Amino acid sequence: MTAQHYFSATPDGPLERRSIHIQLRGRAAAVVTAGGTFSPEHLDRGTQALLNAAPKPPEIGTALDLGCGWGAISLALAFESPELDVWAVDVNERALLLTGENAKSLGLDRIRPALPADVPEGATFDVIWSNPPIRIGKDALHQLLTDWLPRLNPGGEAWLVVAKKLGGDSLQAWIAAQFGPGLSIERHSTDAGFRVLRVRRVQ
């Protein structure tokens, strides 16, 4: 199975679940993954860089995990802020299935796996954490961020992680140019070749 299948709506191949053990910001968790999703063998390095850098999420409100895969970021958000409503969004139906199973098995009942079209049009977010699907291509990635970043609430923050070699610096420049004064962006840190970007809704 090729890596590109993780952003297919319906991945090829049978659903063969596997259990892995991960650490999410100091919390141990056993989760289920499967081929046809992003990084099914382990918690990927980019997501780890994001989890290392992002501050504690709000205790209440609404969060978005954009491109949730099998749910690592959603689970981390829900572990730290059990009263936070977390939308786990992906185009990959297998990923959404696994995210739901992992949330249920860990007793995290405020995670909502959803296709993009199933998120209410007027929904806005106090925080967005995302390891976005860079390999969908620049145009599709830009459209994805154009659709979702403006849905930050005033004062809300998005934390994005992008490999430097896959365009982390150019993406930072594009966001700054695209969204003007309404969204501020800065490079928060670099971790093992990954840029962690902080985007803030300022108006």
C-alpha atoms as a PDB file:
ATOM      1  CA  MET A   1       0.000   0.000   0.000  1.00  0.00           C
ATOM      2  CA  THR A   2       1.429   3.393  -0.991  1.00  0.00           C
ATOM      3  CA  ALA A   3       1.697   6.319   1.370  1.00  0.00           C
ATOM      4  CA  GLN A   4      -0.751   8.314  -0.741  1.00  0.00           C
ATOM      5  CA  HIS A   5      -3.634   6.115   0.376  1.00  0.00           C
ATOM      6  CA  TYR A   6      -3.813   7.772   3.756  1.00  0.00           C
ATOM      7  CA  PHE A   7      -5.604  10.748   2.201  1.00  0.00           C
ATOM      8  CA  SER A   8      -7.960   8.631   0.086  1.00  0.00           C
ATOM      9  CA  ALA A   9     -11.596   8.578   1.128  1.00  0.00           C
ATOM     10  CA  THR A  10     -11.737   4.785   1.031  1.00  0.00           C
ATOM     11  CA  PRO A  11      -8.272   3.178   1.242  1.00  0.00           C
ATOM     12  CA  ASP A  12      -7.554   0.001  -0.698  1.00  0.00           C
ATOM     13  CA  GLY A  13      -6.935  -3.259   1.103  1.00  0.00           C
ATOM     14  CA  PRO A  14      -8.644  -4.953   4.015  1.00  0.00           C
ATOM     15  CA  LEU A  15      -9.031  -3.278   7.371  1.00  0.00           C
ATOM     16  CA  GLU A  16      -6.483  -5.100   9.514  1.00  0.00           C
ATOM     17  CA  ARG A  17      -6.320  -3.515  12.936  1.00  0.00           C
ATOM     18  CA  ARG A  18      -3.085  -3.434  14.898  1.00  0.00           C
ATOM     19  CA  SER A  19      -2.491  -2.263  18.454  1.00  0.00           C
ATOM     20  CA  ILE A  20       0.364   0.072  19.302  1.00  0.00           C
ATOM     21  CA  HIS A  21       1.427   1.773  22.525  1.00  0.00           C
ATOM     22  CA  ILE A  22       2.167   5.487  22.447  1.00  0.00           C
ATOM     23  CA  GLN A  23       2.920   8.409  24.739  1.00  0.00           C
ATOM     24  CA  LEU A  24       0.762  11.516  24.321  1.00  0.00           C
ATOM     25  CA  ARG A  25       2.285  14.408  26.270  1.00  0.00           C
ATOM     26  CA  GLY A  26       3.242  12.119  29.117  1.00  0.00           C
ATOM     27  CA  ARG A  27       0.146   9.902  29.001  1.00  0.00           C
ATOM     28  CA  ALA A  28       0.485   6.278  27.978  1.00  0.00           C
ATOM     29  CA  ALA A  29      -2.213   4.946  25.667  1.00  0.00           C
ATOM     30  CA  ALA A  30      -2.891   1.766  23.733  1.00  0.00           C
ATOM     31  CA  VAL A  31      -4.507   2.601  20.403  1.00  0.00           C
ATOM     32  CA  VAL A  32      -5.628   0.763  17.301  1.00  0.00           C
ATOM     33  CA  THR A  33      -4.328   1.699  13.852  1.00  0.00           C
ATOM     34  CA  ALA A  34      -4.479   0.103  10.399  1.00  0.00           C
ATOM     35  CA  GLY A  35      -2.906   0.302   6.977  1.00  0.00           C
ATOM     36  CA  GLY A  36      -4.367   2.966   4.735  1.00  0.00           C
ATOM     37  CA  THR A  37      -4.061   5.587   7.475  1.00  0.00           C
ATOM     38  CA  PHE A  38      -1.247   7.995   8.204  1.00  0.00           C
ATOM     39  CA  SER A  39       1.689   6.494  10.137  1.00  0.00           C
ATOM     40  CA  PRO A  40       0.001   3.286  11.318  1.00  0.00           C
ATOM     41  CA  GLU A  41       3.180   1.817  12.825  1.00  0.00           C
ATOM     42  CA  HIS A  42       3.959   4.538  15.363  1.00  0.00           C
ATOM     43  CA  LEU A  43       3.341   8.113  16.429  1.00  0.00           C
ATOM     44  CA  ASP A  44       5.020  10.026  13.631  1.00  0.00           C
ATOM     45  CA  ARG A  45       7.821  12.478  14.318  1.00  0.00           C
ATOM     46  CA  GLY A  46       5.958  15.536  13.079  1.00  0.00           C
ATOM     47  CA  THR A  47       2.983  14.922  15.332  1.00  0.00           C
ATOM     48  CA  GLN A  48       5.383  14.381  18.219  1.00  0.00           C
ATOM     49  CA  ALA A  49       7.025  17.743  17.458  1.00  0.00           C
ATOM     50  CA  LEU A  50       3.624  19.432  17.542  1.00  0.00           C
ATOM     51  CA  LEU A  51       2.670  17.775  20.830  1.00  0.00           C
ATOM     52  CA  ASN A  52       6.024  18.797  22.318  1.00  0.00           C
ATOM     53  CA  ALA A  53       5.487  22.445  21.405  1.00  0.00           C
ATOM     54  CA  ALA A  54       1.808  23.294  21.722  1.00  0.00           C
ATOM     55  CA  PRO A  55       0.585  24.788  25.006  1.00  0.00           C
ATOM     56  CA  LYS A  56      -2.193  23.291  27.065  1.00  0.00           C
ATOM     57  CA  PRO A  57      -5.459  23.623  25.139  1.00  0.00           C
ATOM     58  CA  PRO A  58      -8.431  25.521  26.561  1.00  0.00           C
ATOM     59  CA  GLU A  59     -10.354  23.667  29.246  1.00  0.00           C
ATOM     60  CA  ILE A  60     -13.672  24.324  27.498  1.00  0.00           C
ATOM     61  CA  GLY A  61     -14.778  25.389  24.036  1.00  0.00           C
ATOM     62  CA  THR A  62     -14.263  23.743  20.682  1.00  0.00           C
ATOM     63  CA  ALA A  63     -11.107  22.299  19.112  1.00  0.00           C
ATOM     64  CA  LEU A  64     -10.300  21.006  15.644  1.00  0.00           C
ATOM     65  CA  ASP A  65      -7.853  18.254  14.741  1.00  0.00           C
ATOM     66  CA  LEU A  66      -7.516  18.820  10.997  1.00  0.00           C
ATOM     67  CA  GLY A  67      -6.408  15.639   9.235  1.00  0.00           C
ATOM     68  CA  CYS A  68      -6.866  13.487  12.314  1.00  0.00           C
ATOM     69  CA  GLY A  69      -5.630  10.118  10.998  1.00  0.00           C
ATOM     70  CA  TRP A  70      -6.254   7.468  13.629  1.00  0.00           C
ATOM     71  CA  GLY A  71      -6.660  10.170  16.239  1.00  0.00           C
ATOM     72  CA  ALA A  72      -3.387  10.929  18.044  1.00  0.00           C
ATOM     73  CA  ILE A  73      -3.869  14.696  18.212  1.00  0.00           C
ATOM     74  CA  SER A  74      -7.560  14.415  19.077  1.00  0.00           C
ATOM     75  CA  LEU A  75      -6.743  12.028  21.895  1.00  0.00           C
ATOM     76  CA  ALA A  76      -4.058  14.361  23.250  1.00  0.00           C
ATOM     77  CA  LEU A  77      -6.478  17.306  23.219  1.00  0.00           C
ATOM     78  CA  ALA A  78      -9.178  15.304  24.978  1.00  0.00           C
ATOM     79  CA  PHE A  79      -6.808  13.852  27.577  1.00  0.00           C
ATOM     80  CA  GLU A  80      -5.653  17.312  28.641  1.00  0.00           C
ATOM     81  CA  SER A  81      -9.035  19.041  28.451  1.00  0.00           C
ATOM     82  CA  PRO A  82     -11.819  16.519  29.055  1.00  0.00           C
ATOM     83  CA  GLU A  83     -14.552  19.192  28.763  1.00  0.00           C
ATOM     84  CA  LEU A  84     -13.288  20.441  25.392  1.00  0.00           C
ATOM     85  CA  ASP A  85     -15.377  19.470  22.343  1.00  0.00           C
ATOM     86  CA  VAL A  86     -12.973  18.058  19.743  1.00  0.00           C
ATOM     87  CA  TRP A  87     -13.838  17.760  16.073  1.00  0.00           C
ATOM     88  CA  ALA A  88     -11.602  15.091  14.485  1.00  0.00           C
ATOM     89  CA  VAL A  89     -11.791  15.793  10.751  1.00  0.00           C
ATOM     90  CA  ASP A  90     -10.438  13.702   7.912  1.00  0.00           C
ATOM     91  CA  VAL A  91     -11.465  12.637   4.403  1.00  0.00           C
ATOM     92  CA  ASN A  92     -10.344   9.073   5.156  1.00  0.00           C
ATOM     93  CA  GLU A  93     -13.313   7.061   6.419  1.00  0.00           C
ATOM     94  CA  ARG A  94     -11.054   4.365   7.867  1.00  0.00           C
ATOM     95  CA  ALA A  95      -9.191   6.983   9.886  1.00  0.00           C
ATOM     96  CA  LEU A  96     -12.465   8.311  11.262  1.00  0.00           C
ATOM     97  CA  LEU A  97     -13.574   4.816  12.226  1.00  0.00           C
ATOM     98  CA  LEU A  98     -10.343   4.199  14.125  1.00  0.00           C
ATOM     99  CA  THR A  99     -10.413   7.596  15.802  1.00  0.00           C
ATOM    100  CA  GLY A 100     -13.895   6.820  17.081  1.00  0.00           C
ATOM    101  CA  GLU A 101     -12.825   3.406  18.339  1.00  0.00           C
ATOM    102  CA  ASN A 102      -9.777   4.835  20.095  1.00  0.00           C
ATOM    103  CA  ALA A 103     -11.776   7.607  21.729  1.00  0.00           C
ATOM    104  CA  LYS A 104     -14.361   5.118  22.993  1.00  0.00           C
ATOM    105  CA  SER A 105     -11.774   2.674  24.331  1.00  0.00           C
ATOM    106  CA  LEU A 106     -10.042   5.470  26.252  1.00  0.00           C
ATOM    107  CA  GLY A 107     -13.279   6.913  27.627  1.00  0.00           C
ATOM    108  CA  LEU A 108     -12.960  10.211  25.736  1.00  0.00           C
ATOM    109  CA  ASP A 109     -16.550  10.971  24.877  1.00  0.00           C
ATOM    110  CA  ARG A 110     -16.248  14.521  23.503  1.00  0.00           C
ATOM    111  CA  ILE A 111     -14.324  13.575  20.344  1.00  0.00           C
ATOM    112  CA  ARG A 112     -16.458  13.782  17.192  1.00  0.00           C
ATOM    113  CA  PRO A 113     -14.944  12.087  14.116  1.00  0.00           C
ATOM    114  CA  ALA A 114     -16.337  13.750  10.997  1.00  0.00           C
ATOM    115  CA  LEU A 115     -15.888  14.189   7.289  1.00  0.00           C
ATOM    116  CA  PRO A 116     -15.263  17.840   6.376  1.00  0.00           C
ATOM    117  CA  ALA A 117     -18.747  18.204   4.923  1.00  0.00           C
ATOM    118  CA  ASP A 118     -20.308  16.942   8.162  1.00  0.00           C
ATOM    119  CA  VAL A 119     -18.942  19.787  10.293  1.00  0.00           C
ATOM    120  CA  PRO A 120     -21.656  22.473  10.576  1.00  0.00           C
ATOM    121  CA  GLU A 121     -20.948  25.377   8.263  1.00  0.00           C
ATOM    122  CA  GLY A 122     -21.059  27.893  11.103  1.00  0.00           C
ATOM    123  CA  ALA A 123     -18.823  25.945  13.479  1.00  0.00           C
ATOM    124  CA  THR A 124     -15.818  27.885  14.758  1.00  0.00           C
ATOM    125  CA  PHE A 125     -12.891  26.824  16.892  1.00  0.00           C
ATOM    126  CA  ASP A 126     -10.963  28.088  19.875  1.00  0.00           C
ATOM    127  CA  VAL A 127      -7.932  26.006  18.939  1.00  0.00           C
ATOM    128  CA  ILE A 128      -6.754  24.032  15.912  1.00  0.00           C
ATOM    129  CA  TRP A 129      -3.947  21.489  16.073  1.00  0.00           C
ATOM    130  CA  SER A 130      -2.884  19.902  12.809  1.00  0.00           C
ATOM    131  CA  ASN A 131      -0.191  17.890  11.102  1.00  0.00           C
ATOM    132  CA  PRO A 132      -1.641  18.777   7.693  1.00  0.00           C
ATOM    133  CA  PRO A 133      -1.466  16.391   4.723  1.00  0.00           C
ATOM    134  CA  ILE A 134       1.360  18.081   2.832  1.00  0.00           C
ATOM    135  CA  ARG A 135       1.485  15.349   0.189  1.00  0.00           C
ATOM    136  CA  ILE A 136      -1.947  16.197  -1.195  1.00  0.00           C
ATOM    137  CA  GLY A 137      -0.154  18.930  -3.149  1.00  0.00           C
ATOM    138  CA  LYS A 138       0.327  22.650  -2.709  1.00  0.00           C
ATOM    139  CA  ASP A 139      -2.941  23.795  -4.272  1.00  0.00           C
ATOM    140  CA  ALA A 140      -5.058  21.332  -2.309  1.00  0.00           C
ATOM    141  CA  LEU A 141      -3.206  22.153   0.908  1.00  0.00           C
ATOM    142  CA  HIS A 142      -3.709  25.873   0.407  1.00  0.00           C
ATOM    143  CA  GLN A 143      -7.411  25.312  -0.196  1.00  0.00           C
ATOM    144  CA  LEU A 144      -7.634  23.182   2.948  1.00  0.00           C
ATOM    145  CA  LEU A 145      -6.098  25.904   5.088  1.00  0.00           C
ATOM    146  CA  THR A 146      -8.181  28.592   3.387  1.00  0.00           C
ATOM    147  CA  ASP A 147     -11.302  26.650   4.342  1.00  0.00           C
ATOM    148  CA  TRP A 148     -10.401  26.094   7.994  1.00  0.00           C
ATOM    149  CA  LEU A 149      -7.993  28.693   9.400  1.00  0.00           C
ATOM    150  CA  PRO A 150     -10.511  31.553   9.083  1.00  0.00           C
ATOM    151  CA  ARG A 151     -12.819  29.588  11.383  1.00  0.00           C
ATOM    152  CA  LEU A 152     -10.652  30.372  14.400  1.00  0.00           C
ATOM    153  CA  ASN A 153     -12.460  32.386  17.034  1.00  0.00           C
ATOM    154  CA  PRO A 154     -11.005  35.775  18.044  1.00  0.00           C
ATOM    155  CA  GLY A 155      -7.936  35.094  20.147  1.00  0.00           C
ATOM    156  CA  GLY A 156      -7.901  31.476  19.001  1.00  0.00           C
ATOM    157  CA  GLU A 157      -4.719  29.735  17.912  1.00  0.00           C
ATOM    158  CA  ALA A 158      -3.783  27.150  15.317  1.00  0.00           C
ATOM    159  CA  TRP A 159      -0.670  25.044  15.809  1.00  0.00           C
ATOM    160  CA  LEU A 160       0.639  23.441  12.621  1.00  0.00           C
ATOM    161  CA  VAL A 161       3.637  21.208  12.022  1.00  0.00           C
ATOM    162  CA  VAL A 162       5.332  20.913   8.636  1.00  0.00           C
ATOM    163  CA  ALA A 163       8.652  19.337   7.689  1.00  0.00           C
ATOM    164  CA  LYS A 164      11.167  21.980   6.643  1.00  0.00           C
ATOM    165  CA  LYS A 165      12.170  19.884   3.624  1.00  0.00           C
ATOM    166  CA  LEU A 166       8.523  19.683   2.545  1.00  0.00           C
ATOM    167  CA  GLY A 167       7.998  23.421   2.537  1.00  0.00           C
ATOM    168  CA  GLY A 168       7.518  24.512   6.132  1.00  0.00           C
ATOM    169  CA  ASP A 169       9.109  27.911   5.506  1.00  0.00           C
ATOM    170  CA  SER A 170       7.240  28.599   2.261  1.00  0.00           C
ATOM    171  CA  LEU A 171       3.959  27.621   3.904  1.00  0.00           C
ATOM    172  CA  GLN A 172       4.602  30.115   6.693  1.00  0.00           C
ATOM    173  CA  ALA A 173       5.203  32.839   4.100  1.00  0.00           C
ATOM    174  CA  TRP A 174       2.064  31.882   2.181  1.00  0.00           C
ATOM    175  CA  ILE A 175      -0.151  32.013   5.290  1.00  0.00           C
ATOM    176  CA  ALA A 176       1.242  35.445   6.190  1.00  0.00           C
ATOM    177  CA  ALA A 177       0.516  36.762   2.685  1.00  0.00           C
ATOM    178  CA  GLN A 178      -2.846  35.044   2.263  1.00  0.00           C
ATOM    179  CA  PHE A 179      -4.539  36.016   5.499  1.00  0.00           C
ATOM    180  CA  GLY A 180      -3.060  39.436   6.074  1.00  0.00           C
ATOM    181  CA  PRO A 181      -3.558  41.193   9.396  1.00  0.00           C
ATOM    182  CA  GLY A 182      -6.479  39.013  10.492  1.00  0.00           C
ATOM    183  CA  LEU A 183      -4.217  36.080  11.284  1.00  0.00           C
ATOM    184  CA  SER A 184      -0.699  36.454  12.634  1.00  0.00           C
ATOM    185  CA  ILE A 185       1.837  33.677  12.119  1.00  0.00           C
ATOM    186  CA  GLU A 186       5.209  32.921  13.604  1.00  0.00           C
ATOM    187  CA  ARG A 187       7.636  30.029  13.649  1.00  0.00           C
ATOM    188  CA  HIS A 188       7.431  28.831  17.210  1.00  0.00           C
ATOM    189  CA  SER A 189      10.177  26.208  17.070  1.00  0.00           C
ATOM    190  CA  THR A 190      12.085  23.674  15.013  1.00  0.00           C
ATOM    191  CA  ASP A 191      12.249  20.062  16.156  1.00  0.00           C
ATOM    192  CA  ALA A 192      14.229  17.427  14.237  1.00  0.00           C
ATOM    193  CA  GLY A 193      13.623  19.155  10.912  1.00  0.00           C
ATOM    194  CA  PHE A 194       9.973  20.030  11.572  1.00  0.00           C
ATOM    195  CA  ARG A 195       8.719  23.595  11.740  1.00  0.00           C
ATOM    196  CA  VAL A 196       6.053  24.214  14.364  1.00  0.00           C
ATOM    197  CA  LEU A 197       3.963  27.233  13.336  1.00  0.00           C
ATOM    198  CA  ARG A 198       1.672  29.273  15.578  1.00  0.00           C
ATOM    199  CA  VAL A 199      -1.222  31.079  13.909  1.00  0.00           C
ATOM    200  CA  ARG A 200      -3.383  33.465  15.957  1.00  0.00           C
ATOM    201  CA  ARG A 201      -6.672  35.114  15.115  1.00  0.00           C
ATOM    202  CA  VAL A 202      -6.132  38.785  15.968  1.00  0.00           C
ATOM    203  CA  GLN A 203      -9.355  40.261  14.558  1.00  0.00           C
END
